[in-house]
């Protein structure tokens, strides 16, 4: 008799949550995230995400696999230009 399921099922949340990294997460390394007033094990979803999230960074919690939260790096929108700025005034490196 098997006491634990052979494979965890991925559950994606209908409404993503915001979390904060407490232990770094990399594409090949699980870390920890503070979400819903608790600290949880977490990994990027999909697991081949080429990113690094350092402690204090915000992430989007999109689901779970067992007790492990599935996260995506939070996308920070670019600042909006006001009428006093023109595209020619902005340097792109």
Protein backbone atom coordinates (compact mmCIF):
# COMPACT_ATOMS: atom_id res chain seq x y z
CA UNK A 1 0.00 0.00 0.00
CA UNK A 2 1.35 3.39 -1.02
CA UNK A 3 0.87 6.12 1.59
CA UNK A 4 1.76 9.09 -0.61
CA UNK A 5 0.75 9.82 -4.19
CA UNK A 6 3.46 9.06 -6.75
CA UNK A 7 3.13 12.48 -8.37
CA UNK A 8 1.84 15.80 -7.10
CA UNK A 9 -0.80 17.57 -9.10
CA UNK A 10 -0.27 21.17 -10.18
CA UNK A 11 -3.14 23.44 -9.19
CA UNK A 12 -3.21 26.88 -10.80
CA UNK A 13 -5.04 29.55 -8.81
CA UNK A 14 -7.94 31.44 -10.47
CA UNK A 15 -6.67 34.68 -8.87
CA UNK A 16 -2.87 35.07 -8.54
CA UNK A 17 -1.42 36.32 -5.26
CA UNK A 18 1.56 38.51 -4.48
CA UNK A 19 4.43 37.02 -2.52
CA UNK A 20 7.82 38.15 -1.26
CA UNK A 21 10.99 36.09 -1.62
CA UNK A 22 12.53 35.10 1.71
CA UNK A 23 15.12 32.64 0.29
CA UNK A 24 16.42 33.09 -3.28
CA UNK A 25 14.83 31.15 -6.14
CA UNK A 26 16.66 30.33 -9.38
CA UNK A 27 15.62 28.34 -12.45
CA UNK A 28 17.13 25.17 -10.97
CA UNK A 29 16.79 25.95 -7.24
CA UNK A 30 13.76 25.96 -4.98
CA UNK A 31 13.54 28.75 -2.42
CA UNK A 32 10.98 30.15 0.02
CA UNK A 33 8.25 32.77 -0.35
CA UNK A 34 6.16 34.69 2.17
CA UNK A 35 2.52 34.64 1.09
CA UNK A 36 -0.74 34.74 3.06
CA UNK A 37 1.20 35.51 6.28
CA UNK A 38 3.24 32.27 6.09
CA UNK A 39 6.52 31.18 4.54
CA UNK A 40 6.25 28.39 1.95
CA UNK A 41 8.64 26.39 -0.21
CA UNK A 42 8.45 27.80 -3.75
CA UNK A 43 9.77 27.30 -7.26
CA UNK A 44 9.39 28.99 -10.62
CA UNK A 45 6.63 27.80 -12.93
CA UNK A 46 7.49 26.70 -15.48
CA UNK A 47 10.60 25.27 -13.84
CA UNK A 48 12.80 26.23 -16.79
CA UNK A 49 12.20 29.96 -16.21
CA UNK A 50 15.50 31.78 -16.74
CA UNK A 51 15.33 34.11 -13.76
CA UNK A 52 16.70 34.79 -10.31
CA UNK A 53 14.57 36.17 -7.48
CA UNK A 54 16.48 37.48 -4.48
CA UNK A 55 15.20 38.01 -0.92
CA UNK A 56 12.84 40.98 -0.70
CA UNK A 57 11.79 40.75 -4.36
CA UNK A 58 8.09 40.51 -5.22
CA UNK A 59 6.76 37.54 -7.18
CA UNK A 60 3.36 36.46 -8.45
CA UNK A 61 2.08 33.24 -6.87
CA UNK A 62 0.14 31.45 -9.61
CA UNK A 63 -0.51 28.03 -8.06
CA UNK A 64 0.82 25.16 -6.00
CA UNK A 65 2.15 21.64 -6.28
CA UNK A 66 1.61 19.93 -2.96
CA UNK A 67 2.77 22.51 -0.41
CA UNK A 68 5.21 24.13 -2.86
CA UNK A 69 4.01 27.45 -4.29
CA UNK A 70 4.49 28.04 -8.01
CA UNK A 71 5.70 31.56 -8.75
CA UNK A 72 6.56 33.83 -11.66
CA UNK A 73 8.86 36.84 -11.52
CA UNK A 74 6.81 39.99 -11.08
CA UNK A 75 6.83 42.17 -14.17
CA UNK A 76 7.43 45.80 -13.32
CA UNK A 77 5.89 48.13 -15.89
CA UNK A 78 8.11 50.74 -17.48
CA UNK A 79 7.50 54.28 -16.23
CA UNK A 80 5.12 56.30 -18.34
CA UNK A 81 6.46 59.35 -20.12
CA UNK A 82 4.72 62.61 -19.42
CA UNK A 83 3.98 65.23 -22.06
CA UNK A 84 7.16 67.04 -21.04
CA UNK A 85 9.22 64.06 -22.27
CA UNK A 86 9.66 63.10 -25.89
CA UNK A 87 10.86 59.75 -27.22
CA UNK A 88 13.99 61.45 -28.55
CA UNK A 89 14.88 62.49 -24.97
CA UNK A 90 14.93 58.89 -23.72
CA UNK A 91 18.11 56.85 -24.09
CA UNK A 92 17.79 53.12 -24.71
CA UNK A 93 20.86 51.03 -23.92
